[in-house]
C-alpha cells in the first residue's frame, strides 16, 4: 500500500534586490551607442559616469523581494551517519503522513503516530550530533522501523474497509485494537531509546570533563 510522504524541509529567508539596476546600466550604454558618438576616451568616461549614476539611483529605488530557499542540510562528517539520519527522518515523515490519513474518530491514534514521528526526528538529530550512537540507531532503522511502517499501512487499510459480514467486521476491530496497542508500546519504547541516547551523551560529557580536569591538575593549571 502506498502512502504519500510529507517533506518537512527547513527553509531560510533571503532578501534580494531586483535586477533593475543592471538593466538600467545596460540601457544607458545602449542608448549612448545609438545617439552619442563615443570617439574619444573622454566620451567613454562620461558615459561610464552616467551609467554608474543611473545604476546607483536604480539600486536605491529598486525594491527588495523575499525568497525562501532550502536550508543546507547539517552533516556529521560521516556518510553512513548522514544516510541513516535521512532514512530515519523519511520514515518519521511517512508515519506522520499516515496520521493525516486517519479519520477524526481515531484522532487519539493520529496523536500517537505524530508522537512516534517526533521522537524519531529527535533520535535522528541526536545521531547527527553524536555519531557514536550509530550502532543503536542502525538496529532501530533496520529491524524496528520496517515493522512500524508495515503496521501503519495495515492500520490505514483496515480503517478504510467497510464491506463484509459481521465476522469480518469483528476481525477488523480486533486487528485494529492489536495494532493500536502496538502503537502505544512503540511510542513508549522509542522514548526510552531516546532517553538512553541522551544518557550516553551525558556519560560521554562527564567522562570528557573528568579527563580535562585530570589534565589541568597534571599540568598545574588548576587547584
N, C-alpha and C. Protein backbone atom coordinates (compact mmCIF):
# COMPACT_ATOMS: atom_id res chain seq x y z
N UNK A 1 0.85 -1.18 0.00
CA UNK A 1 0.00 0.00 0.00
C UNK A 1 0.88 1.24 0.00
N UNK A 2 0.61 2.19 -0.88
CA UNK A 2 1.41 3.39 -0.95
C UNK A 2 0.75 4.51 -0.17
N UNK A 3 1.50 5.13 0.69
CA UNK A 3 1.02 6.27 1.46
C UNK A 3 1.87 7.46 1.11
N UNK A 4 1.27 8.61 0.74
CA UNK A 4 2.07 9.76 0.33
C UNK A 4 2.95 10.23 1.46
N UNK A 5 4.19 10.57 1.10
CA UNK A 5 5.12 11.07 2.09
C UNK A 5 5.00 12.58 2.20
N UNK A 6 5.38 13.10 3.35
CA UNK A 6 5.39 14.55 3.55
C UNK A 6 6.83 14.98 3.71
N UNK A 7 7.17 16.09 3.07
CA UNK A 7 8.51 16.63 3.16
C UNK A 7 8.47 17.87 4.02
N UNK A 8 9.09 17.81 5.17
CA UNK A 8 9.17 18.97 6.04
C UNK A 8 10.58 19.54 5.89
N UNK A 9 10.76 20.36 4.84
CA UNK A 9 12.07 20.89 4.54
C UNK A 9 12.25 22.25 5.20
N UNK A 10 13.35 22.38 5.93
CA UNK A 10 13.65 23.66 6.55
C UNK A 10 14.06 24.65 5.47
N UNK A 11 13.51 25.86 5.56
CA UNK A 11 13.84 26.89 4.59
C UNK A 11 14.32 28.14 5.31
N UNK A 12 15.15 28.90 4.63
CA UNK A 12 15.63 30.15 5.18
C UNK A 12 15.19 31.30 4.28
N UNK A 13 14.99 32.47 4.89
CA UNK A 13 14.51 33.64 4.16
C UNK A 13 15.71 34.46 3.70
N UNK A 14 15.74 34.76 2.41
CA UNK A 14 16.82 35.57 1.84
C UNK A 14 16.19 36.77 1.13
N UNK A 15 16.70 37.97 1.46
CA UNK A 15 16.21 39.17 0.81
C UNK A 15 17.17 39.57 -0.30
N UNK A 16 16.62 39.82 -1.47
CA UNK A 16 17.44 40.16 -2.63
C UNK A 16 16.93 41.43 -3.28
N UNK A 17 17.85 42.12 -3.94
CA UNK A 17 17.49 43.30 -4.71
C UNK A 17 17.08 42.90 -6.12
N UNK A 18 16.23 43.72 -6.70
CA UNK A 18 15.82 43.48 -8.08
C UNK A 18 17.01 43.65 -9.01
N UNK A 19 16.93 43.03 -10.18
CA UNK A 19 17.98 43.16 -11.20
C UNK A 19 17.84 44.43 -12.01
N UNK A 20 16.90 45.31 -11.63
CA UNK A 20 16.65 46.55 -12.38
C UNK A 20 17.90 47.41 -12.55
N UNK A 21 18.75 47.61 -11.52
CA UNK A 21 19.92 48.46 -11.71
C UNK A 21 20.82 48.00 -12.85
N UNK A 22 20.97 46.71 -13.01
CA UNK A 22 21.83 46.19 -14.09
C UNK A 22 21.23 46.51 -15.45
N UNK A 23 19.89 46.35 -15.55
CA UNK A 23 19.24 46.65 -16.82
C UNK A 23 19.30 48.14 -17.14
N UNK A 24 19.18 48.99 -16.13
CA UNK A 24 19.27 50.43 -16.34
C UNK A 24 20.67 50.81 -16.82
N UNK A 25 21.69 50.22 -16.18
CA UNK A 25 23.07 50.49 -16.58
C UNK A 25 23.31 50.06 -18.02
N UNK A 26 22.81 48.90 -18.38
CA UNK A 26 22.98 48.41 -19.75
C UNK A 26 22.25 49.31 -20.74
N UNK A 27 21.05 49.79 -20.34
CA UNK A 27 20.28 50.66 -21.23
C UNK A 27 21.02 51.96 -21.51
N UNK A 28 21.73 52.50 -20.51
CA UNK A 28 22.49 53.74 -20.71
C UNK A 28 23.54 53.55 -21.79
N UNK A 29 24.26 52.44 -21.74
CA UNK A 29 25.30 52.18 -22.74
C UNK A 29 24.71 51.96 -24.13
N UNK A 30 23.57 51.28 -24.18
CA UNK A 30 22.94 51.05 -25.49
C UNK A 30 22.48 52.36 -26.10
N UNK A 31 21.81 53.20 -25.30
CA UNK A 31 21.33 54.49 -25.80
C UNK A 31 22.50 55.40 -26.19
N UNK A 32 23.56 55.36 -25.38
CA UNK A 32 24.73 56.19 -25.70
C UNK A 32 25.35 55.76 -27.02
N UNK A 33 25.37 54.44 -27.25
CA UNK A 33 25.93 53.95 -28.51
C UNK A 33 25.09 54.34 -29.70
N UNK A 34 23.80 54.53 -29.49
CA UNK A 34 22.92 54.89 -30.61
C UNK A 34 22.89 56.39 -30.90
N UNK A 35 22.96 57.21 -29.85
CA UNK A 35 22.72 58.65 -30.03
C UNK A 35 23.91 59.54 -29.65
N UNK A 36 24.94 58.95 -29.10
CA UNK A 36 26.07 59.78 -28.64
C UNK A 36 27.36 59.19 -29.20
N UNK A 37 28.06 59.98 -30.03
CA UNK A 37 29.30 59.46 -30.63
C UNK A 37 30.40 59.32 -29.58
N UNK A 38 30.87 58.09 -29.42
CA UNK A 38 31.93 57.85 -28.43
C UNK A 38 33.24 57.56 -29.17
N UNK A 39 33.82 58.65 -29.69
CA UNK A 39 35.06 58.51 -30.44
C UNK A 39 36.28 58.75 -29.56
N UNK A 40 36.09 59.47 -28.48
CA UNK A 40 37.21 59.81 -27.61
C UNK A 40 37.11 59.07 -26.27
N UNK A 41 38.24 58.98 -25.63
CA UNK A 41 38.28 58.35 -24.32
C UNK A 41 37.42 59.13 -23.33
N UNK A 42 37.39 60.47 -23.50
CA UNK A 42 36.57 61.30 -22.62
C UNK A 42 35.09 60.97 -22.77
N UNK A 43 34.63 60.69 -24.01
CA UNK A 43 33.23 60.34 -24.24
C UNK A 43 32.86 59.05 -23.50
N UNK A 44 33.77 58.08 -23.57
CA UNK A 44 33.52 56.81 -22.88
C UNK A 44 33.46 57.02 -21.37
N UNK A 45 34.36 57.89 -20.86
CA UNK A 45 34.37 58.16 -19.42
C UNK A 45 33.08 58.84 -18.98
N UNK A 46 32.57 59.75 -19.82
CA UNK A 46 31.32 60.44 -19.48
C UNK A 46 30.16 59.45 -19.40
N UNK A 47 30.09 58.57 -20.39
CA UNK A 47 29.01 57.57 -20.40
C UNK A 47 29.15 56.64 -19.20
N UNK A 48 30.40 56.30 -18.85
CA UNK A 48 30.62 55.43 -17.70
C UNK A 48 30.13 56.08 -16.42
N UNK A 49 30.40 57.37 -16.26
CA UNK A 49 29.93 58.09 -15.06
C UNK A 49 28.40 58.15 -15.03
N UNK A 50 27.80 58.41 -16.20
CA UNK A 50 26.34 58.48 -16.27
C UNK A 50 25.72 57.12 -15.94
N UNK A 51 26.31 56.05 -16.48
CA UNK A 51 25.76 54.71 -16.23
C UNK A 51 25.92 54.34 -14.75
N UNK A 52 27.04 54.76 -14.14
CA UNK A 52 27.23 54.48 -12.72
C UNK A 52 26.21 55.22 -11.88
N UNK A 53 25.95 56.49 -12.24
CA UNK A 53 24.95 57.27 -11.51
C UNK A 53 23.55 56.67 -11.69
N UNK A 54 23.24 56.21 -12.93
CA UNK A 54 21.93 55.58 -13.18
C UNK A 54 21.80 54.29 -12.40
N UNK A 55 22.90 53.53 -12.34
CA UNK A 55 22.87 52.26 -11.57
C UNK A 55 22.61 52.53 -10.10
N UNK A 56 23.28 53.58 -9.54
CA UNK A 56 23.13 53.89 -8.13
C UNK A 56 21.70 54.33 -7.81
N UNK A 57 21.13 55.17 -8.68
CA UNK A 57 19.76 55.63 -8.46
C UNK A 57 18.78 54.46 -8.54
N UNK A 58 18.99 53.58 -9.53
CA UNK A 58 18.09 52.43 -9.69
C UNK A 58 18.25 51.47 -8.51
N UNK A 59 19.48 51.32 -8.00
CA UNK A 59 19.71 50.42 -6.87
C UNK A 59 19.00 50.93 -5.62
N UNK A 60 19.03 52.26 -5.43
CA UNK A 60 18.35 52.84 -4.26
C UNK A 60 16.83 52.73 -4.39
N UNK A 61 16.35 52.82 -5.64
CA UNK A 61 14.90 52.81 -5.86
C UNK A 61 14.34 51.40 -6.03
N UNK A 62 15.18 50.46 -6.40
CA UNK A 62 14.70 49.10 -6.67
C UNK A 62 14.19 48.44 -5.39
N UNK A 63 13.04 47.81 -5.45
CA UNK A 63 12.50 47.16 -4.25
C UNK A 63 13.22 45.85 -3.96
N UNK A 64 13.22 45.47 -2.68
CA UNK A 64 13.74 44.18 -2.29
C UNK A 64 12.62 43.14 -2.40
N UNK A 65 12.98 41.93 -2.67
CA UNK A 65 12.00 40.86 -2.67
C UNK A 65 12.52 39.71 -1.82
N UNK A 66 11.59 38.99 -1.24
CA UNK A 66 11.93 37.90 -0.33
C UNK A 66 11.86 36.56 -1.05
N UNK A 67 12.86 35.75 -0.85
CA UNK A 67 12.91 34.43 -1.46
C UNK A 67 13.25 33.41 -0.38
N UNK A 68 12.50 32.31 -0.39
CA UNK A 68 12.75 31.23 0.57
C UNK A 68 13.50 30.11 -0.16
N UNK A 69 14.65 29.77 0.38
CA UNK A 69 15.45 28.72 -0.23
C UNK A 69 15.66 27.59 0.77
N UNK A 70 15.94 26.43 0.24
CA UNK A 70 16.17 25.26 1.09
C UNK A 70 17.44 25.44 1.90
N UNK A 71 17.31 25.28 3.19
CA UNK A 71 18.47 25.43 4.07
C UNK A 71 19.42 24.26 3.86
N UNK A 72 20.72 24.54 3.89
CA UNK A 72 21.68 23.44 3.74
C UNK A 72 21.53 22.43 4.86
N UNK A 73 21.57 21.17 4.49
CA UNK A 73 21.40 20.12 5.49
C UNK A 73 22.66 19.98 6.33
N UNK A 74 22.52 19.93 7.66
CA UNK A 74 23.70 19.73 8.50
C UNK A 74 24.30 18.36 8.26
N UNK A 75 25.58 18.26 8.42
CA UNK A 75 26.27 16.99 8.19
C UNK A 75 27.12 16.64 9.40
N UNK A 76 27.24 15.37 9.64
CA UNK A 76 28.05 14.89 10.75
C UNK A 76 29.49 14.65 10.34
N UNK A 77 29.73 14.65 9.03
CA UNK A 77 31.06 14.33 8.53
C UNK A 77 31.23 12.85 8.23
N UNK A 78 30.21 12.06 8.54
CA UNK A 78 30.24 10.61 8.30
C UNK A 78 29.09 10.27 7.36
N UNK A 79 29.41 9.76 6.18
CA UNK A 79 28.37 9.48 5.18
C UNK A 79 27.37 8.44 5.68
N UNK A 80 27.84 7.44 6.40
CA UNK A 80 26.94 6.40 6.91
C UNK A 80 25.95 6.98 7.91
N UNK A 81 26.44 7.87 8.77
CA UNK A 81 25.57 8.52 9.75
C UNK A 81 24.55 9.41 9.06
N UNK A 82 25.01 10.21 8.11
CA UNK A 82 24.10 11.12 7.41
C UNK A 82 23.03 10.34 6.64
N UNK A 83 23.42 9.25 6.01
CA UNK A 83 22.45 8.43 5.27
C UNK A 83 21.41 7.83 6.20
N UNK A 84 21.85 7.37 7.37
CA UNK A 84 20.91 6.79 8.32
C UNK A 84 19.98 7.85 8.89
N UNK A 85 20.50 9.04 9.13
CA UNK A 85 19.64 10.13 9.61
C UNK A 85 18.54 10.44 8.59
N UNK A 86 18.91 10.48 7.33
CA UNK A 86 17.92 10.75 6.28
C UNK A 86 16.88 9.64 6.22
N UNK A 87 17.32 8.39 6.41
CA UNK A 87 16.38 7.26 6.39
C UNK A 87 15.39 7.36 7.56
N UNK A 88 15.90 7.66 8.75
CA UNK A 88 15.02 7.76 9.92
C UNK A 88 14.05 8.92 9.76
N UNK A 89 14.53 10.05 9.25
CA UNK A 89 13.66 11.20 9.04
C UNK A 89 12.59 10.91 7.99
N UNK A 90 12.96 10.16 6.95
CA UNK A 90 11.98 9.78 5.92
C UNK A 90 10.91 8.86 6.51
N UNK A 91 11.33 7.93 7.35
CA UNK A 91 10.36 7.04 8.00
C UNK A 91 9.45 7.82 8.93
N UNK A 92 10.01 8.80 9.64
CA UNK A 92 9.21 9.64 10.52
C UNK A 92 8.16 10.43 9.72
N UNK A 93 8.57 10.94 8.56
CA UNK A 93 7.63 11.67 7.71
C UNK A 93 6.53 10.76 7.20
N UNK A 94 6.89 9.53 6.86
CA UNK A 94 5.89 8.56 6.40
C UNK A 94 4.86 8.27 7.49
N UNK A 95 5.34 8.10 8.72
CA UNK A 95 4.43 7.80 9.83
C UNK A 95 3.51 8.99 10.09
N UNK A 96 4.05 10.20 10.02
CA UNK A 96 3.19 11.39 10.21
C UNK A 96 2.17 11.51 9.08
N UNK A 97 2.55 11.11 7.87
CA UNK A 97 1.59 11.17 6.76
C UNK A 97 0.44 10.21 6.97
N UNK A 98 0.73 9.06 7.61
CA UNK A 98 -0.34 8.11 7.94
C UNK A 98 -1.31 8.74 8.93
N UNK A 99 -0.77 9.49 9.89
CA UNK A 99 -1.63 10.16 10.87
C UNK A 99 -2.62 11.11 10.19
N UNK A 100 -2.17 11.76 9.11
CA UNK A 100 -3.04 12.70 8.40
C UNK A 100 -4.13 11.98 7.62
N UNK A 101 -3.95 10.69 7.35
CA UNK A 101 -4.95 9.94 6.59
C UNK A 101 -6.07 9.39 7.46
N UNK A 102 -5.86 9.41 8.78
CA UNK A 102 -6.84 8.80 9.66
C UNK A 102 -8.05 9.69 9.87
N UNK A 103 -9.25 9.11 10.00
CA UNK A 103 -10.46 9.90 10.25
C UNK A 103 -10.45 10.51 11.66
N UNK A 104 -11.30 11.48 11.85
CA UNK A 104 -11.33 12.21 13.12
C UNK A 104 -11.66 11.31 14.31
N UNK A 105 -12.38 10.22 14.07
CA UNK A 105 -12.76 9.33 15.19
C UNK A 105 -11.55 8.60 15.76
N UNK A 106 -10.45 8.60 15.02
CA UNK A 106 -9.23 7.95 15.51
C UNK A 106 -8.15 9.00 15.80
N UNK A 107 -8.57 10.18 16.24
CA UNK A 107 -7.62 11.26 16.49
C UNK A 107 -6.58 10.86 17.54
N UNK A 108 -6.99 10.06 18.52
CA UNK A 108 -6.03 9.64 19.54
C UNK A 108 -4.89 8.81 18.94
N UNK A 109 -5.22 8.02 17.92
CA UNK A 109 -4.18 7.24 17.25
C UNK A 109 -3.29 8.15 16.40
N UNK A 110 -3.91 9.15 15.77
CA UNK A 110 -3.13 10.11 14.98
C UNK A 110 -2.14 10.84 15.88
N UNK A 111 -2.58 11.22 17.08
CA UNK A 111 -1.69 11.88 18.04
C UNK A 111 -0.53 10.96 18.40
N UNK A 112 -0.85 9.68 18.57
CA UNK A 112 0.18 8.70 18.92
C UNK A 112 1.22 8.58 17.80
N UNK A 113 0.76 8.55 16.56
CA UNK A 113 1.67 8.43 15.43
C UNK A 113 2.52 9.68 15.27
N UNK A 114 1.92 10.85 15.51
CA UNK A 114 2.71 12.09 15.45
C UNK A 114 3.79 12.08 16.52
N UNK A 115 3.45 11.54 17.69
CA UNK A 115 4.44 11.44 18.76
C UNK A 115 5.59 10.52 18.36
N UNK A 116 5.26 9.41 17.71
CA UNK A 116 6.29 8.49 17.23
C UNK A 116 7.19 9.19 16.21
N UNK A 117 6.58 9.92 15.28
CA UNK A 117 7.35 10.64 14.28
C UNK A 117 8.26 11.69 14.90
N UNK A 118 7.74 12.40 15.90
CA UNK A 118 8.54 13.43 16.57
C UNK A 118 9.73 12.81 17.30
N UNK A 119 9.51 11.67 17.96
CA UNK A 119 10.60 11.00 18.66
C UNK A 119 11.67 10.52 17.69
N UNK A 120 11.24 10.01 16.54
CA UNK A 120 12.21 9.56 15.53
C UNK A 120 13.04 10.73 15.02
N UNK A 121 12.41 11.89 14.83
CA UNK A 121 13.17 13.06 14.40
C UNK A 121 14.23 13.44 15.44
N UNK A 122 13.86 13.35 16.71
CA UNK A 122 14.82 13.67 17.78
C UNK A 122 15.96 12.65 17.82
N UNK A 123 15.64 11.39 17.56
CA UNK A 123 16.69 10.37 17.51
C UNK A 123 17.66 10.66 16.36
N UNK A 124 17.11 11.03 15.21
CA UNK A 124 17.96 11.36 14.06
C UNK A 124 18.84 12.57 14.36
N UNK A 125 18.27 13.57 15.01
CA UNK A 125 19.05 14.76 15.35
C UNK A 125 20.15 14.42 16.34
N UNK A 126 19.84 13.57 17.32
CA UNK A 126 20.85 13.16 18.29
C UNK A 126 21.97 12.39 17.63
N UNK A 127 21.61 11.53 16.67
CA UNK A 127 22.62 10.77 15.94
C UNK A 127 23.50 11.71 15.13
N UNK A 128 22.90 12.73 14.54
CA UNK A 128 23.68 13.70 13.76
C UNK A 128 24.73 14.38 14.62
N UNK A 129 24.37 14.65 15.87
CA UNK A 129 25.28 15.35 16.77
C UNK A 129 26.25 14.40 17.46
N UNK A 130 25.88 13.13 17.57
CA UNK A 130 26.74 12.15 18.24
C UNK A 130 26.79 10.86 17.42
N UNK A 131 27.67 10.80 16.42
CA UNK A 131 27.74 9.62 15.55
C UNK A 131 28.07 8.32 16.27
N UNK A 132 28.53 8.39 17.52
CA UNK A 132 28.83 7.15 18.25
C UNK A 132 27.57 6.32 18.52
N UNK A 133 26.39 6.95 18.35
CA UNK A 133 25.13 6.23 18.55
C UNK A 133 24.72 5.42 17.31
N UNK A 134 25.60 5.37 16.31
CA UNK A 134 25.25 4.72 15.04
C UNK A 134 24.79 3.26 15.21
N UNK A 135 25.47 2.41 15.99
CA UNK A 135 25.02 1.01 16.09
C UNK A 135 23.59 0.87 16.62
N UNK A 136 23.25 1.63 17.69
CA UNK A 136 21.90 1.55 18.24
C UNK A 136 20.87 2.04 17.24
N UNK A 137 21.17 3.14 16.57
CA UNK A 137 20.21 3.71 15.62
C UNK A 137 20.08 2.84 14.37
N UNK A 138 21.17 2.19 13.99
CA UNK A 138 21.10 1.30 12.82
C UNK A 138 20.20 0.10 13.11
N UNK A 139 20.31 -0.43 14.32
CA UNK A 139 19.43 -1.53 14.71
C UNK A 139 17.97 -1.09 14.68
N UNK A 140 17.72 0.11 15.16
CA UNK A 140 16.36 0.65 15.15
C UNK A 140 15.84 0.77 13.72
N UNK A 141 16.67 1.31 12.82
CA UNK A 141 16.24 1.54 11.45
C UNK A 141 16.07 0.25 10.67
N UNK A 142 16.93 -0.73 10.91
CA UNK A 142 16.91 -1.96 10.11
C UNK A 142 15.87 -2.98 10.58
N UNK A 143 15.57 -3.00 11.87
CA UNK A 143 14.71 -4.06 12.40
C UNK A 143 13.33 -3.55 12.84
N UNK A 144 13.30 -2.38 13.44
CA UNK A 144 12.04 -1.91 14.03
C UNK A 144 11.22 -1.03 13.09
N UNK A 145 11.88 -0.11 12.40
CA UNK A 145 11.13 0.83 11.57
C UNK A 145 10.36 0.16 10.44
N UNK A 146 10.91 -0.86 9.76
CA UNK A 146 10.11 -1.52 8.72
C UNK A 146 8.82 -2.14 9.27
N UNK A 147 8.90 -2.71 10.48
CA UNK A 147 7.70 -3.29 11.09
C UNK A 147 6.71 -2.19 11.44
N UNK A 148 7.22 -1.06 11.97
CA UNK A 148 6.33 0.05 12.32
C UNK A 148 5.60 0.57 11.09
N UNK A 149 6.33 0.74 10.00
CA UNK A 149 5.68 1.21 8.77
C UNK A 149 4.65 0.21 8.26
N UNK A 150 4.97 -1.06 8.35
CA UNK A 150 4.01 -2.08 7.91
C UNK A 150 2.73 -2.01 8.74
N UNK A 151 2.86 -1.82 10.05
CA UNK A 151 1.68 -1.72 10.91
C UNK A 151 0.87 -0.47 10.57
N UNK A 152 1.56 0.62 10.27
CA UNK A 152 0.87 1.86 9.90
C UNK A 152 0.04 1.66 8.64
N UNK A 153 0.65 1.07 7.63
CA UNK A 153 -0.06 0.85 6.37
C UNK A 153 -1.23 -0.12 6.54
N UNK A 154 -1.02 -1.15 7.36
CA UNK A 154 -2.08 -2.12 7.60
C UNK A 154 -3.24 -1.47 8.35
N UNK A 155 -2.92 -0.56 9.27
CA UNK A 155 -3.97 0.10 10.04
C UNK A 155 -4.83 0.98 9.13
N UNK A 156 -4.19 1.72 8.24
CA UNK A 156 -4.96 2.54 7.28
C UNK A 156 -5.83 1.65 6.41
N UNK A 157 -5.31 0.52 5.98
CA UNK A 157 -6.08 -0.42 5.16
C UNK A 157 -7.32 -0.89 5.92
N UNK A 158 -7.17 -1.25 7.19
CA UNK A 158 -8.30 -1.73 7.98
C UNK A 158 -9.32 -0.62 8.21
N UNK A 159 -8.84 0.60 8.43
CA UNK A 159 -9.74 1.73 8.65
C UNK A 159 -10.62 1.96 7.43
N UNK A 160 -10.06 1.77 6.26
CA UNK A 160 -10.78 2.07 5.02
C UNK A 160 -11.73 0.95 4.61
N UNK A 161 -11.62 -0.21 5.21
CA UNK A 161 -12.50 -1.32 4.86
C UNK A 161 -13.85 -1.18 5.56
N UNK A 162 -14.91 -1.29 4.79
CA UNK A 162 -16.26 -1.18 5.38
C UNK A 162 -17.20 -2.28 4.89
N UNK A 163 -16.71 -3.14 4.02
CA UNK A 163 -17.54 -4.22 3.49
C UNK A 163 -17.30 -5.51 4.25
N UNK A 164 -18.20 -6.46 4.07
CA UNK A 164 -18.05 -7.76 4.72
C UNK A 164 -19.14 -8.00 5.75
N UNK A 165 -19.20 -9.22 6.22
CA UNK A 165 -20.23 -9.59 7.18
C UNK A 165 -19.78 -9.24 8.60
N UNK A 166 -20.59 -9.66 9.57
CA UNK A 166 -20.31 -9.33 10.97
C UNK A 166 -19.00 -9.93 11.45
N UNK A 167 -18.71 -11.15 11.00
CA UNK A 167 -17.46 -11.80 11.41
C UNK A 167 -16.24 -11.02 10.89
N UNK A 168 -16.35 -10.57 9.65
CA UNK A 168 -15.23 -9.81 9.08
C UNK A 168 -15.04 -8.49 9.83
N UNK A 169 -16.15 -7.84 10.18
CA UNK A 169 -16.08 -6.58 10.92
C UNK A 169 -15.46 -6.81 12.30
N UNK A 170 -15.83 -7.91 12.93
CA UNK A 170 -15.26 -8.24 14.24
C UNK A 170 -13.76 -8.48 14.15
N UNK A 171 -13.35 -9.17 13.10
CA UNK A 171 -11.93 -9.44 12.90
C UNK A 171 -11.15 -8.15 12.69
N UNK A 172 -11.72 -7.24 11.89
CA UNK A 172 -11.05 -5.96 11.66
C UNK A 172 -10.93 -5.18 12.96
N UNK A 173 -11.98 -5.18 13.75
CA UNK A 173 -11.94 -4.45 15.02
C UNK A 173 -10.87 -5.01 15.95
N UNK A 174 -10.75 -6.32 15.99
CA UNK A 174 -9.73 -6.95 16.84
C UNK A 174 -8.33 -6.63 16.35
N UNK A 175 -8.14 -6.66 15.01
CA UNK A 175 -6.83 -6.35 14.46
C UNK A 175 -6.45 -4.89 14.72
N UNK A 176 -7.43 -4.00 14.56
CA UNK A 176 -7.15 -2.59 14.82
C UNK A 176 -6.77 -2.37 16.27
N UNK A 177 -7.45 -3.05 17.18
CA UNK A 177 -7.14 -2.92 18.60
C UNK A 177 -5.72 -3.40 18.89
N UNK A 178 -5.32 -4.50 18.26
CA UNK A 178 -3.97 -5.02 18.47
C UNK A 178 -2.92 -4.03 17.95
N UNK A 179 -3.19 -3.45 16.79
CA UNK A 179 -2.23 -2.50 16.22
C UNK A 179 -2.17 -1.24 17.08
N UNK A 180 -3.32 -0.80 17.59
CA UNK A 180 -3.33 0.38 18.45
C UNK A 180 -2.52 0.14 19.72
N UNK A 181 -2.64 -1.05 20.29
CA UNK A 181 -1.82 -1.41 21.46
C UNK A 181 -0.34 -1.42 21.09
N UNK A 182 -0.05 -1.91 19.89
CA UNK A 182 1.34 -1.94 19.43
C UNK A 182 1.89 -0.52 19.28
N UNK A 183 1.07 0.39 18.75
CA UNK A 183 1.50 1.79 18.61
C UNK A 183 1.86 2.38 19.97
N UNK A 184 1.04 2.09 20.99
CA UNK A 184 1.31 2.60 22.33
C UNK A 184 2.65 2.07 22.85
N UNK A 185 2.90 0.77 22.63
CA UNK A 185 4.16 0.19 23.06
C UNK A 185 5.34 0.75 22.29
N UNK A 186 5.16 0.97 20.99
CA UNK A 186 6.22 1.54 20.15
C UNK A 186 6.57 2.95 20.61
N UNK A 187 5.54 3.74 20.87
CA UNK A 187 5.75 5.12 21.32
C UNK A 187 6.57 5.14 22.60
N UNK A 188 6.20 4.29 23.54
CA UNK A 188 6.92 4.23 24.81
C UNK A 188 8.36 3.73 24.62
N UNK A 189 8.54 2.72 23.76
CA UNK A 189 9.86 2.14 23.55
C UNK A 189 10.80 3.14 22.88
N UNK A 190 10.30 3.89 21.91
CA UNK A 190 11.14 4.87 21.23
C UNK A 190 11.57 5.99 22.18
N UNK A 191 10.66 6.39 23.06
CA UNK A 191 11.03 7.43 24.03
C UNK A 191 12.09 6.91 24.99
N UNK A 192 12.00 5.64 25.37
CA UNK A 192 13.04 5.06 26.22
C UNK A 192 14.38 4.98 25.47
N UNK A 193 14.30 4.67 24.18
CA UNK A 193 15.52 4.63 23.37
C UNK A 193 16.17 6.01 23.30
N UNK A 194 15.33 7.04 23.12
CA UNK A 194 15.85 8.41 23.07
C UNK A 194 16.48 8.79 24.40
N UNK A 195 15.83 8.44 25.51
CA UNK A 195 16.39 8.72 26.84
C UNK A 195 17.74 8.02 27.01
N UNK A 196 17.85 6.79 26.51
CA UNK A 196 19.11 6.05 26.62
C UNK A 196 20.22 6.75 25.84
N UNK A 197 19.87 7.28 24.67
CA UNK A 197 20.88 8.00 23.87
C UNK A 197 21.32 9.27 24.60
N UNK A 198 20.36 9.97 25.22
CA UNK A 198 20.72 11.16 25.99
C UNK A 198 21.62 10.79 27.17
N UNK A 199 21.32 9.67 27.82
CA UNK A 199 22.15 9.24 28.96
C UNK A 199 23.57 8.90 28.50
N UNK A 200 23.68 8.30 27.31
CA UNK A 200 25.01 8.03 26.76
C UNK A 200 25.78 9.32 26.52
N UNK A 201 25.06 10.33 26.00
CA UNK A 201 25.70 11.62 25.78
C UNK A 201 26.16 12.23 27.10
N UNK A 202 25.29 12.12 28.12
CA UNK A 202 25.63 12.67 29.43
C UNK A 202 26.87 11.98 30.01
N UNK A 203 26.94 10.65 29.83
CA UNK A 203 28.09 9.91 30.33
C UNK A 203 29.36 10.31 29.59
N UNK A 204 29.25 10.49 28.28
CA UNK A 204 30.42 10.90 27.49
C UNK A 204 30.91 12.27 27.93
N UNK A 205 29.96 13.19 28.14
CA UNK A 205 30.34 14.54 28.56
C UNK A 205 31.01 14.52 29.93
N UNK A 206 30.45 13.74 30.86
CA UNK A 206 31.04 13.63 32.20
C UNK A 206 32.45 13.06 32.13
N UNK A 207 32.64 12.06 31.28
CA UNK A 207 33.97 11.46 31.12
C UNK A 207 34.95 12.47 30.55
N UNK A 208 34.51 13.22 29.55
CA UNK A 208 35.39 14.23 28.95
C UNK A 208 35.78 15.29 29.98
N UNK A 209 34.82 15.70 30.81
CA UNK A 209 35.12 16.71 31.83
C UNK A 209 36.11 16.18 32.85
N UNK A 210 35.94 14.92 33.27
CA UNK A 210 36.87 14.32 34.23
C UNK A 210 38.28 14.24 33.65
N UNK A 211 38.38 13.85 32.38
CA UNK A 211 39.69 13.77 31.73
C UNK A 211 40.33 15.15 31.65
N UNK A 212 39.52 16.15 31.30
CA UNK A 212 40.04 17.52 31.21
C UNK A 212 40.55 18.01 32.56
N UNK A 213 39.80 17.73 33.63
CA UNK A 213 40.22 18.15 34.97
C UNK A 213 41.54 17.48 35.36
N UNK A 214 41.68 16.20 35.05
CA UNK A 214 42.92 15.49 35.36
C UNK A 214 44.11 16.09 34.61
N UNK A 215 43.90 16.45 33.34
CA UNK A 215 44.97 17.05 32.56
C UNK A 215 45.37 18.40 33.11
N UNK A 216 44.36 19.19 33.55
CA UNK A 216 44.66 20.51 34.10
C UNK A 216 45.43 20.39 35.41
N UNK A 217 45.04 19.41 36.24
CA UNK A 217 45.77 19.22 37.50
C UNK A 217 47.20 18.71 37.24
N UNK A 218 47.34 17.83 36.29
CA UNK A 218 48.66 17.30 35.95
C UNK A 218 49.60 18.39 35.47
N UNK A 219 49.04 19.34 34.69
CA UNK A 219 49.86 20.42 34.16
C UNK A 219 49.96 21.61 35.10
N UNK A 220 49.38 21.46 36.31
CA UNK A 220 49.46 22.55 37.29
C UNK A 220 48.63 23.76 36.93
N UNK A 221 47.57 23.57 36.19
CA UNK A 221 46.73 24.69 35.75
C UNK A 221 45.45 24.80 36.56
N UNK A 222 45.25 23.91 37.53
CA UNK A 222 44.06 24.01 38.39
C UNK A 222 44.46 23.64 39.81
N UNK A 223 43.61 24.04 40.75
CA UNK A 223 43.91 23.78 42.16
C UNK A 223 43.57 22.34 42.51
